[in-house]
Amino acid sequence: MPYIPDYALRIQLDLISDKLINVLKVKGITGNLNYFIFRTIKHLCKRYANYAHFKGDLLEALTESDRRHLAPYEDKKIKENGDVK
């Protein structure tokens, strides 16, 4: 879950991520987001444990995104078109 109880830290992270989001809105995500993620891994994941945690966080973020954004769309389409038999 993407929840941070430290409100001050959350504000800091929001300011940084807002800058990245604004750049990616203008320049596009294709390739640019990959570059950012790889560069982050390169600088933060010098040890296997750090890489494993980073990878786990990426997977959890994708899973949460699926749950919040894709699942409602899929449910709507099932109602419209019928489920797989």
N, C-alpha and C. Protein backbone atom coordinates (compact mmCIF):
# COMPACT_ATOMS: atom_id res chain seq x y z
N MET A 1 0.83 -1.18 0.00
CA MET A 1 0.00 0.00 0.00
C MET A 1 0.88 1.25 0.00
N PRO A 2 0.52 2.23 -0.77
CA PRO A 2 1.36 3.43 -0.89
C PRO A 2 1.04 4.49 0.16
N TYR A 3 1.09 4.12 1.41
CA TYR A 3 0.72 5.08 2.46
C TYR A 3 1.93 5.40 3.31
N ILE A 4 2.16 6.69 3.55
CA ILE A 4 3.29 7.13 4.35
C ILE A 4 2.74 7.93 5.53
N PRO A 5 2.90 7.42 6.76
CA PRO A 5 2.35 8.12 7.91
C PRO A 5 3.10 9.41 8.27
N ASP A 6 4.37 9.53 7.88
CA ASP A 6 5.16 10.73 8.14
C ASP A 6 4.74 11.82 7.16
N TYR A 7 3.87 12.73 7.63
CA TYR A 7 3.27 13.74 6.76
C TYR A 7 4.32 14.66 6.14
N ALA A 8 5.35 15.03 6.90
CA ALA A 8 6.39 15.92 6.38
C ALA A 8 7.16 15.23 5.24
N LEU A 9 7.45 13.96 5.42
CA LEU A 9 8.13 13.21 4.37
C LEU A 9 7.24 13.09 3.14
N ARG A 10 5.98 12.87 3.37
CA ARG A 10 5.03 12.76 2.26
C ARG A 10 4.99 14.04 1.43
N ILE A 11 5.02 15.18 2.09
CA ILE A 11 5.03 16.47 1.39
C ILE A 11 6.29 16.59 0.55
N GLN A 12 7.44 16.23 1.12
CA GLN A 12 8.70 16.27 0.36
C GLN A 12 8.64 15.39 -0.88
N LEU A 13 8.16 14.17 -0.70
CA LEU A 13 8.08 13.24 -1.83
C LEU A 13 7.08 13.72 -2.87
N ASP A 14 5.99 14.32 -2.43
CA ASP A 14 5.00 14.85 -3.38
C ASP A 14 5.59 15.97 -4.22
N LEU A 15 6.37 16.85 -3.59
CA LEU A 15 6.99 17.96 -4.34
C LEU A 15 7.95 17.42 -5.41
N ILE A 16 8.75 16.43 -5.04
CA ILE A 16 9.70 15.84 -5.98
C ILE A 16 8.95 15.10 -7.10
N SER A 17 7.97 14.29 -6.73
CA SER A 17 7.26 13.51 -7.74
C SER A 17 6.42 14.42 -8.65
N ASP A 18 5.91 15.54 -8.12
CA ASP A 18 5.17 16.48 -8.96
C ASP A 18 6.05 17.04 -10.07
N LYS A 19 7.31 17.32 -9.75
CA LYS A 19 8.25 17.81 -10.77
C LYS A 19 8.45 16.77 -11.86
N LEU A 20 8.67 15.52 -11.46
CA LEU A 20 8.85 14.44 -12.43
C LEU A 20 7.59 14.26 -13.27
N ILE A 21 6.45 14.25 -12.63
CA ILE A 21 5.18 14.07 -13.34
C ILE A 21 4.99 15.17 -14.38
N ASN A 22 5.29 16.40 -14.02
CA ASN A 22 5.14 17.51 -14.96
C ASN A 22 6.06 17.37 -16.16
N VAL A 23 7.30 16.93 -15.94
CA VAL A 23 8.22 16.71 -17.06
C VAL A 23 7.69 15.59 -17.96
N LEU A 24 7.23 14.50 -17.35
CA LEU A 24 6.75 13.37 -18.13
C LEU A 24 5.45 13.69 -18.88
N LYS A 25 4.63 14.58 -18.34
CA LYS A 25 3.42 15.01 -19.05
C LYS A 25 3.80 15.73 -20.34
N VAL A 26 4.86 16.51 -20.31
CA VAL A 26 5.28 17.28 -21.48
C VAL A 26 6.10 16.42 -22.44
N LYS A 27 7.05 15.69 -21.92
CA LYS A 27 7.99 14.93 -22.75
C LYS A 27 7.53 13.51 -23.06
N GLY A 28 6.55 13.01 -22.33
CA GLY A 28 6.06 11.64 -22.52
C GLY A 28 6.76 10.66 -21.59
N ILE A 29 6.09 9.54 -21.34
CA ILE A 29 6.67 8.56 -20.41
C ILE A 29 7.54 7.52 -21.11
N THR A 30 7.28 7.28 -22.39
CA THR A 30 7.99 6.23 -23.11
C THR A 30 9.50 6.49 -23.12
N GLY A 31 10.24 5.60 -22.52
CA GLY A 31 11.70 5.73 -22.46
C GLY A 31 12.15 6.61 -21.31
N ASN A 32 11.46 7.72 -21.10
CA ASN A 32 11.87 8.67 -20.06
C ASN A 32 11.63 8.12 -18.66
N LEU A 33 10.48 7.47 -18.46
CA LEU A 33 10.21 6.87 -17.16
C LEU A 33 11.16 5.70 -16.92
N ASN A 34 11.44 4.92 -17.95
CA ASN A 34 12.39 3.82 -17.85
C ASN A 34 13.76 4.34 -17.41
N TYR A 35 14.20 5.43 -18.04
CA TYR A 35 15.49 6.05 -17.69
C TYR A 35 15.51 6.44 -16.22
N PHE A 36 14.44 7.10 -15.77
CA PHE A 36 14.38 7.55 -14.38
C PHE A 36 14.42 6.37 -13.40
N ILE A 37 13.64 5.35 -13.70
CA ILE A 37 13.60 4.18 -12.81
C ILE A 37 14.96 3.49 -12.78
N PHE A 38 15.56 3.28 -13.96
CA PHE A 38 16.86 2.62 -14.00
C PHE A 38 17.92 3.44 -13.26
N ARG A 39 17.91 4.76 -13.46
CA ARG A 39 18.88 5.62 -12.78
C ARG A 39 18.70 5.55 -11.26
N THR A 40 17.46 5.50 -10.81
CA THR A 40 17.18 5.37 -9.38
C THR A 40 17.73 4.04 -8.86
N ILE A 41 17.49 2.96 -9.59
CA ILE A 41 18.03 1.65 -9.20
C ILE A 41 19.55 1.71 -9.14
N LYS A 42 20.16 2.29 -10.17
CA LYS A 42 21.62 2.34 -10.24
C LYS A 42 22.22 3.06 -9.04
N HIS A 43 21.57 4.11 -8.58
CA HIS A 43 22.12 4.90 -7.47
C HIS A 43 21.74 4.39 -6.08
N LEU A 44 20.62 3.70 -5.97
CA LEU A 44 20.16 3.28 -4.64
C LEU A 44 20.35 1.80 -4.33
N CYS A 45 20.48 0.98 -5.35
CA CYS A 45 20.47 -0.47 -5.13
C CYS A 45 21.85 -1.07 -5.33
N LYS A 46 22.77 -0.71 -4.45
CA LYS A 46 24.12 -1.25 -4.53
C LYS A 46 24.21 -2.66 -3.93
N ARG A 47 23.24 -3.00 -3.10
CA ARG A 47 23.22 -4.32 -2.46
C ARG A 47 21.97 -5.07 -2.91
N TYR A 48 22.06 -6.38 -2.88
CA TYR A 48 20.95 -7.22 -3.32
C TYR A 48 19.68 -6.92 -2.52
N ALA A 49 19.82 -6.75 -1.21
CA ALA A 49 18.64 -6.50 -0.37
C ALA A 49 17.93 -5.22 -0.79
N ASN A 50 18.69 -4.18 -1.11
CA ASN A 50 18.08 -2.92 -1.55
C ASN A 50 17.33 -3.13 -2.86
N TYR A 51 17.95 -3.87 -3.78
CA TYR A 51 17.31 -4.15 -5.06
C TYR A 51 16.02 -4.96 -4.85
N ALA A 52 16.07 -5.94 -3.99
CA ALA A 52 14.89 -6.77 -3.73
C ALA A 52 13.75 -5.92 -3.16
N HIS A 53 14.07 -5.00 -2.26
CA HIS A 53 13.03 -4.12 -1.71
C HIS A 53 12.49 -3.18 -2.79
N PHE A 54 13.37 -2.64 -3.62
CA PHE A 54 12.96 -1.75 -4.71
C PHE A 54 12.03 -2.49 -5.66
N LYS A 55 12.42 -3.70 -6.05
CA LYS A 55 11.61 -4.50 -6.96
C LYS A 55 10.25 -4.81 -6.33
N GLY A 56 10.25 -5.14 -5.06
CA GLY A 56 8.99 -5.40 -4.36
C GLY A 56 8.09 -4.18 -4.34
N ASP A 57 8.67 -3.00 -4.12
CA ASP A 57 7.88 -1.78 -4.11
C ASP A 57 7.30 -1.49 -5.49
N LEU A 58 8.08 -1.71 -6.54
CA LEU A 58 7.56 -1.52 -7.90
C LEU A 58 6.38 -2.45 -8.17
N LEU A 59 6.53 -3.71 -7.79
CA LEU A 59 5.45 -4.67 -8.01
C LEU A 59 4.20 -4.32 -7.21
N GLU A 60 4.39 -3.87 -5.99
CA GLU A 60 3.24 -3.47 -5.16
C GLU A 60 2.55 -2.24 -5.74
N ALA A 61 3.34 -1.29 -6.27
CA ALA A 61 2.75 -0.10 -6.88
C ALA A 61 1.92 -0.49 -8.11
N LEU A 62 2.43 -1.42 -8.92
CA LEU A 62 1.69 -1.89 -10.08
C LEU A 62 0.41 -2.61 -9.67
N THR A 63 0.51 -3.44 -8.64
CA THR A 63 -0.66 -4.17 -8.15
C THR A 63 -1.73 -3.21 -7.64
N GLU A 64 -1.32 -2.19 -6.89
CA GLU A 64 -2.26 -1.21 -6.37
C GLU A 64 -2.88 -0.40 -7.50
N SER A 65 -2.09 -0.08 -8.50
CA SER A 65 -2.60 0.64 -9.66
C SER A 65 -3.65 -0.21 -10.39
N ASP A 66 -3.36 -1.48 -10.58
CA ASP A 66 -4.34 -2.38 -11.21
C ASP A 66 -5.64 -2.39 -10.41
N ARG A 67 -5.52 -2.52 -9.10
CA ARG A 67 -6.71 -2.60 -8.24
C ARG A 67 -7.55 -1.35 -8.34
N ARG A 68 -6.90 -0.18 -8.33
CA ARG A 68 -7.64 1.08 -8.31
C ARG A 68 -8.11 1.55 -9.68
N HIS A 69 -7.32 1.28 -10.72
CA HIS A 69 -7.62 1.87 -12.02
C HIS A 69 -8.15 0.86 -13.04
N LEU A 70 -7.57 -0.32 -13.08
CA LEU A 70 -7.98 -1.27 -14.10
C LEU A 70 -9.17 -2.13 -13.69
N ALA A 71 -9.23 -2.51 -12.43
CA ALA A 71 -10.31 -3.40 -11.99
C ALA A 71 -11.69 -2.77 -12.21
N PRO A 72 -11.92 -1.50 -11.87
CA PRO A 72 -13.25 -0.93 -12.13
C PRO A 72 -13.61 -0.92 -13.62
N TYR A 73 -12.63 -0.65 -14.47
CA TYR A 73 -12.86 -0.68 -15.92
C TYR A 73 -13.24 -2.09 -16.37
N GLU A 74 -12.50 -3.08 -15.90
CA GLU A 74 -12.78 -4.47 -16.27
C GLU A 74 -14.16 -4.89 -15.78
N ASP A 75 -14.53 -4.49 -14.57
CA ASP A 75 -15.86 -4.82 -14.04
C ASP A 75 -16.96 -4.20 -14.90
N LYS A 76 -16.74 -2.96 -15.34
CA LYS A 76 -17.71 -2.28 -16.20
C LYS A 76 -17.87 -3.03 -17.52
N LYS A 77 -16.76 -3.46 -18.12
CA LYS A 77 -16.81 -4.17 -19.39
C LYS A 77 -17.46 -5.54 -19.26
N ILE A 78 -17.28 -6.20 -18.13
CA ILE A 78 -17.94 -7.47 -17.89
C ILE A 78 -19.45 -7.27 -17.87
N LYS A 79 -19.91 -6.21 -17.20
CA LYS A 79 -21.35 -5.91 -17.15
C LYS A 79 -21.87 -5.58 -18.54
N GLU A 80 -21.10 -4.84 -19.32
CA GLU A 80 -21.54 -4.45 -20.66
C GLU A 80 -21.54 -5.61 -21.65
N ASN A 81 -20.53 -6.46 -21.60
CA ASN A 81 -20.32 -7.46 -22.62
C ASN A 81 -20.52 -8.91 -22.17
N GLY A 82 -20.68 -9.09 -20.87
CA GLY A 82 -20.78 -10.44 -20.34
C GLY A 82 -19.40 -10.99 -19.99
N ASP A 83 -19.39 -11.90 -19.04
CA ASP A 83 -18.13 -12.48 -18.56
C ASP A 83 -17.70 -13.63 -19.47
N VAL A 84 -16.48 -14.03 -19.34
CA VAL A 84 -15.95 -15.19 -20.06
C VAL A 84 -16.63 -16.44 -19.51
N LYS A 85 -17.07 -17.30 -20.42
CA LYS A 85 -17.74 -18.54 -19.98
C LYS A 85 -16.79 -19.68 -19.96
